[in-house]
Amino acid sequence: MDRLKTNRPRKTFPAALLVLALGAAAMACSTLLPGAGETQSTQGPIPATRYPPATPYAQSPAAGICASPEGVEVEMSLLPGIPDPRCLEIRPDQRLTVRNRTGGPVHVQLGPFSADLADGEDFTMDVPLGEFLAPGVHALQVEPCCGGELVLPPP
């Protein structure tokens, strides 16, 4: 007997059931995962962003007093052994420029952004800080040494 030619009935699903199952799965994903035009509700609507918000490491800065620059562009200069300013209180609509004035190369990282900078080079994050930072205190990571703090107050 040839096993490939059996006359057993095959189990099939009607096309309508397949369409319903795929539709239900799509609806479940869109309700579980915010994004795709939806908002998440905590203390009010938060606009959907391209980046998951970076988690702060503290609620108050270690530096004590923070500069509160006006304008859309804010700057932090990396000097030998210390950033200037040591702490920036930022708004969600502001963008950060990091200036390397250490005398050597550095690697900087904040949230999903990172760059290798030679001495004298600048790096601008062209995305508003509120797009990828959750409220709280965030450290500008600098290797080999000395990044500053960024404080995004709660809404």
C-alpha atoms as a PDB file:
ATOM      1  CA  MET A   1       0.000   0.000   0.000  1.00  0.00           C
ATOM      2  CA  ASP A   2       1.306   3.405  -0.955  1.00  0.00           C
ATOM      3  CA  ARG A   3       1.285   5.647   2.128  1.00  0.00           C
ATOM      4  CA  LEU A   4       1.237   8.844   0.141  1.00  0.00           C
ATOM      5  CA  LYS A   5      -2.103   8.084  -1.439  1.00  0.00           C
ATOM      6  CA  THR A   6      -4.430   7.545   1.468  1.00  0.00           C
ATOM      7  CA  ASN A   7      -8.060   8.443   1.278  1.00  0.00           C
ATOM      8  CA  ARG A   8      -8.299   9.713   4.840  1.00  0.00           C
ATOM      9  CA  PRO A   9     -10.107  13.004   5.129  1.00  0.00           C
ATOM     10  CA  ARG A  10      -7.826  15.944   5.943  1.00  0.00           C
ATOM     11  CA  LYS A  11      -8.668  18.316   8.769  1.00  0.00           C
ATOM     12  CA  THR A  12      -9.217  21.792   7.391  1.00  0.00           C
ATOM     13  CA  PHE A  13     -10.366  25.072   8.865  1.00  0.00           C
ATOM     14  CA  PRO A  14     -12.824  27.212   7.015  1.00  0.00           C
ATOM     15  CA  ALA A  15     -11.254  30.441   5.765  1.00  0.00           C
ATOM     16  CA  ALA A  16     -13.670  32.524   7.863  1.00  0.00           C
ATOM     17  CA  LEU A  17     -12.346  30.971  11.094  1.00  0.00           C
ATOM     18  CA  LEU A  18      -8.787  31.731  10.070  1.00  0.00           C
ATOM     19  CA  VAL A  19      -9.666  35.367   9.363  1.00  0.00           C
ATOM     20  CA  LEU A  20     -11.449  35.682  12.729  1.00  0.00           C
ATOM     21  CA  ALA A  21      -8.493  34.168  14.591  1.00  0.00           C
ATOM     22  CA  LEU A  22      -6.021  36.520  12.927  1.00  0.00           C
ATOM     23  CA  GLY A  23      -8.265  39.519  13.642  1.00  0.00           C
ATOM     24  CA  ALA A  24      -8.593  38.563  17.316  1.00  0.00           C
ATOM     25  CA  ALA A  25      -4.816  38.176  17.612  1.00  0.00           C
ATOM     26  CA  ALA A  26      -4.254  41.596  16.041  1.00  0.00           C
ATOM     27  CA  MET A  27      -6.758  43.210  18.414  1.00  0.00           C
ATOM     28  CA  ALA A  28      -5.121  41.560  21.430  1.00  0.00           C
ATOM     29  CA  CYS A  29      -1.695  42.853  20.432  1.00  0.00           C
ATOM     30  CA  SER A  30      -2.927  46.400  19.892  1.00  0.00           C
ATOM     31  CA  THR A  31      -4.582  46.532  23.311  1.00  0.00           C
ATOM     32  CA  LEU A  32      -1.618  45.024  25.166  1.00  0.00           C
ATOM     33  CA  LEU A  33       1.100  47.044  23.503  1.00  0.00           C
ATOM     34  CA  PRO A  34       0.661  50.821  23.505  1.00  0.00           C
ATOM     35  CA  GLY A  35       1.939  52.594  20.467  1.00  0.00           C
ATOM     36  CA  ALA A  36       0.724  52.612  16.914  1.00  0.00           C
ATOM     37  CA  GLY A  37      -1.129  55.845  17.570  1.00  0.00           C
ATOM     38  CA  GLU A  38      -2.471  54.869  20.995  1.00  0.00           C
ATOM     39  CA  THR A  39      -1.725  56.511  24.317  1.00  0.00           C
ATOM     40  CA  GLN A  40      -1.118  55.086  27.745  1.00  0.00           C
ATOM     41  CA  SER A  41      -2.926  56.640  30.690  1.00  0.00           C
ATOM     42  CA  THR A  42      -1.142  57.354  33.973  1.00  0.00           C
ATOM     43  CA  GLN A  43      -1.584  60.961  35.079  1.00  0.00           C
ATOM     44  CA  GLY A  44      -3.034  61.976  31.746  1.00  0.00           C
ATOM     45  CA  PRO A  45      -2.337  61.027  28.153  1.00  0.00           C
ATOM     46  CA  ILE A  46       1.293  60.501  27.222  1.00  0.00           C
ATOM     47  CA  PRO A  47       2.001  60.781  23.497  1.00  0.00           C
ATOM     48  CA  ALA A  48       3.313  57.645  21.835  1.00  0.00           C
ATOM     49  CA  THR A  49       7.030  57.893  21.050  1.00  0.00           C
ATOM     50  CA  ARG A  50       9.553  56.056  18.950  1.00  0.00           C
ATOM     51  CA  TYR A  51      11.680  55.216  21.981  1.00  0.00           C
ATOM     52  CA  PRO A  52      10.870  53.433  25.224  1.00  0.00           C
ATOM     53  CA  PRO A  53      11.428  55.912  28.054  1.00  0.00           C
ATOM     54  CA  ALA A  54      14.800  55.537  29.788  1.00  0.00           C
ATOM     55  CA  THR A  55      14.357  54.816  33.489  1.00  0.00           C
ATOM     56  CA  PRO A  56      15.728  57.454  35.875  1.00  0.00           C
ATOM     57  CA  TYR A  57      18.179  56.341  38.534  1.00  0.00           C
ATOM     58  CA  ALA A  58      16.967  58.840  41.182  1.00  0.00           C
ATOM     59  CA  GLN A  59      14.222  61.377  41.891  1.00  0.00           C
ATOM     60  CA  SER A  60      16.527  64.187  43.084  1.00  0.00           C
ATOM     61  CA  PRO A  61      19.974  65.123  41.765  1.00  0.00           C
ATOM     62  CA  ALA A  62      23.194  64.511  43.668  1.00  0.00           C
ATOM     63  CA  ALA A  63      24.631  67.772  42.327  1.00  0.00           C
ATOM     64  CA  GLY A  64      22.218  69.830  44.445  1.00  0.00           C
ATOM     65  CA  ILE A  65      21.758  72.921  42.273  1.00  0.00           C
ATOM     66  CA  CYS A  66      20.928  72.436  38.611  1.00  0.00           C
ATOM     67  CA  ALA A  67      21.131  74.937  35.770  1.00  0.00           C
ATOM     68  CA  SER A  68      17.803  75.605  34.034  1.00  0.00           C
ATOM     69  CA  PRO A  69      18.694  76.776  30.535  1.00  0.00           C
ATOM     70  CA  GLU A  70      16.095  78.449  28.332  1.00  0.00           C
ATOM     71  CA  GLY A  71      15.595  77.694  24.661  1.00  0.00           C
ATOM     72  CA  VAL A  72      15.246  74.467  22.755  1.00  0.00           C
ATOM     73  CA  GLU A  73      18.975  73.641  22.665  1.00  0.00           C
ATOM     74  CA  VAL A  74      20.789  72.860  25.939  1.00  0.00           C
ATOM     75  CA  GLU A  75      24.527  72.174  26.260  1.00  0.00           C
ATOM     76  CA  MET A  76      26.780  70.214  28.560  1.00  0.00           C
ATOM     77  CA  SER A  77      30.541  70.559  28.133  1.00  0.00           C
ATOM     78  CA  LEU A  78      32.788  67.731  29.265  1.00  0.00           C
ATOM     79  CA  LEU A  79      35.909  69.188  30.890  1.00  0.00           C
ATOM     80  CA  PRO A  80      38.813  67.234  32.439  1.00  0.00           C
ATOM     81  CA  GLY A  81      37.327  65.580  35.538  1.00  0.00           C
ATOM     82  CA  ILE A  82      33.980  67.438  35.587  1.00  0.00           C
ATOM     83  CA  PRO A  83      31.052  68.338  33.325  1.00  0.00           C
ATOM     84  CA  ASP A  84      29.859  71.937  32.984  1.00  0.00           C
ATOM     85  CA  PRO A  85      27.208  72.288  34.251  1.00  0.00           C
ATOM     86  CA  ARG A  86      27.196  69.273  36.576  1.00  0.00           C
ATOM     87  CA  CYS A  87      23.393  69.178  36.445  1.00  0.00           C
ATOM     88  CA  LEU A  88      20.770  70.408  33.963  1.00  0.00           C
ATOM     89  CA  GLU A  89      17.073  70.739  34.753  1.00  0.00           C
ATOM     90  CA  ILE A  90      15.512  70.086  31.373  1.00  0.00           C
ATOM     91  CA  ARG A  91      12.141  70.370  29.681  1.00  0.00           C
ATOM     92  CA  PRO A  92      10.669  67.625  27.484  1.00  0.00           C
ATOM     93  CA  ASP A  93      10.947  69.804  24.355  1.00  0.00           C
ATOM     94  CA  GLN A  94      14.668  70.544  24.731  1.00  0.00           C
ATOM     95  CA  ARG A  95      17.504  68.860  22.819  1.00  0.00           C
ATOM     96  CA  LEU A  96      20.960  68.159  24.239  1.00  0.00           C
ATOM     97  CA  THR A  97      24.366  68.962  22.753  1.00  0.00           C
ATOM     98  CA  VAL A  98      27.390  67.365  24.414  1.00  0.00           C
ATOM     99  CA  ARG A  99      30.741  69.118  23.860  1.00  0.00           C
ATOM    100  CA  ASN A 100      33.977  67.185  24.455  1.00  0.00           C
ATOM    101  CA  ARG A 101      36.644  69.507  25.910  1.00  0.00           C
ATOM    102  CA  THR A 102      38.481  66.843  27.939  1.00  0.00           C
ATOM    103  CA  GLY A 103      41.700  66.784  25.936  1.00  0.00           C
ATOM    104  CA  GLY A 104      41.057  63.188  24.817  1.00  0.00           C
ATOM    105  CA  PRO A 105      38.442  60.893  23.272  1.00  0.00           C
ATOM    106  CA  VAL A 106      35.273  59.957  25.164  1.00  0.00           C
ATOM    107  CA  HIS A 107      32.274  57.711  24.668  1.00  0.00           C
ATOM    108  CA  VAL A 108      28.938  59.271  25.706  1.00  0.00           C
ATOM    109  CA  GLN A 109      25.535  57.627  26.141  1.00  0.00           C
ATOM    110  CA  LEU A 110      22.093  58.789  27.195  1.00  0.00           C
ATOM    111  CA  GLY A 111      19.115  56.493  26.740  1.00  0.00           C
ATOM    112  CA  PRO A 112      19.229  54.993  23.221  1.00  0.00           C
ATOM    113  CA  PHE A 113      21.813  57.508  21.957  1.00  0.00           C
ATOM    114  CA  SER A 114      25.588  57.128  22.065  1.00  0.00           C
ATOM    115  CA  ALA A 115      28.607  58.613  20.327  1.00  0.00           C
ATOM    116  CA  ASP A 116      32.385  58.443  20.318  1.00  0.00           C
ATOM    117  CA  LEU A 117      33.779  61.980  20.428  1.00  0.00           C
ATOM    118  CA  ALA A 118      37.332  63.136  19.830  1.00  0.00           C
ATOM    119  CA  ASP A 119      38.514  66.163  21.778  1.00  0.00           C
ATOM    120  CA  GLY A 120      36.792  69.269  20.413  1.00  0.00           C
ATOM    121  CA  GLU A 121      33.874  67.371  18.857  1.00  0.00           C
ATOM    122  CA  ASP A 122      30.190  67.939  19.653  1.00  0.00           C
ATOM    123  CA  PHE A 123      27.230  65.549  19.572  1.00  0.00           C
ATOM    124  CA  THR A 124      23.640  66.779  19.326  1.00  0.00           C
ATOM    125  CA  MET A 125      20.704  64.510  20.110  1.00  0.00           C
ATOM    126  CA  ASP A 126      18.221  65.717  17.524  1.00  0.00           C
ATOM    127  CA  VAL A 127      15.251  64.224  19.375  1.00  0.00           C
ATOM    128  CA  PRO A 128      13.521  66.133  22.209  1.00  0.00           C
ATOM    129  CA  LEU A 129      14.659  64.742  25.571  1.00  0.00           C
ATOM    130  CA  GLY A 130      11.057  64.077  26.653  1.00  0.00           C
ATOM    131  CA  GLU A 131      10.762  61.594  23.765  1.00  0.00           C
ATOM    132  CA  PHE A 132      13.111  59.115  25.445  1.00  0.00           C
ATOM    133  CA  LEU A 133      13.582  60.130  29.096  1.00  0.00           C
ATOM    134  CA  ALA A 134      11.033  59.380  31.814  1.00  0.00           C
ATOM    135  CA  PRO A 135      10.652  62.020  34.575  1.00  0.00           C
ATOM    136  CA  GLY A 136      13.460  61.843  37.153  1.00  0.00           C
ATOM    137  CA  VAL A 137      17.257  62.082  37.234  1.00  0.00           C
ATOM    138  CA  HIS A 138      19.306  60.615  34.395  1.00  0.00           C
ATOM    139  CA  ALA A 139      23.091  60.302  34.154  1.00  0.00           C
ATOM    140  CA  LEU A 140      24.919  61.235  30.992  1.00  0.00           C
ATOM    141  CA  GLN A 141      27.251  58.231  30.864  1.00  0.00           C
ATOM    142  CA  VAL A 142      30.786  59.222  29.874  1.00  0.00           C
ATOM    143  CA  GLU A 143      33.726  56.853  29.501  1.00  0.00           C
ATOM    144  CA  PRO A 144      36.383  57.165  30.722  1.00  0.00           C
ATOM    145  CA  CYS A 145      35.112  59.806  33.154  1.00  0.00           C
ATOM    146  CA  CYS A 146      32.679  62.290  34.394  1.00  0.00           C
ATOM    147  CA  GLY A 147      29.263  62.842  32.933  1.00  0.00           C
ATOM    148  CA  GLY A 148      26.576  65.087  34.356  1.00  0.00           C
ATOM    149  CA  GLU A 149      22.988  64.712  35.469  1.00  0.00           C
ATOM    150  CA  LEU A 150      19.818  65.655  33.621  1.00  0.00           C
ATOM    151  CA  VAL A 151      16.651  66.193  35.633  1.00  0.00           C
ATOM    152  CA  LEU A 152      13.272  65.957  33.913  1.00  0.00           C
ATOM    153  CA  PRO A 153      10.608  67.090  36.411  1.00  0.00           C
ATOM    154  CA  PRO A 154       7.268  65.269  36.500  1.00  0.00           C
ATOM    155  CA  PRO A 155       4.483  66.814  34.381  1.00  0.00           C
END
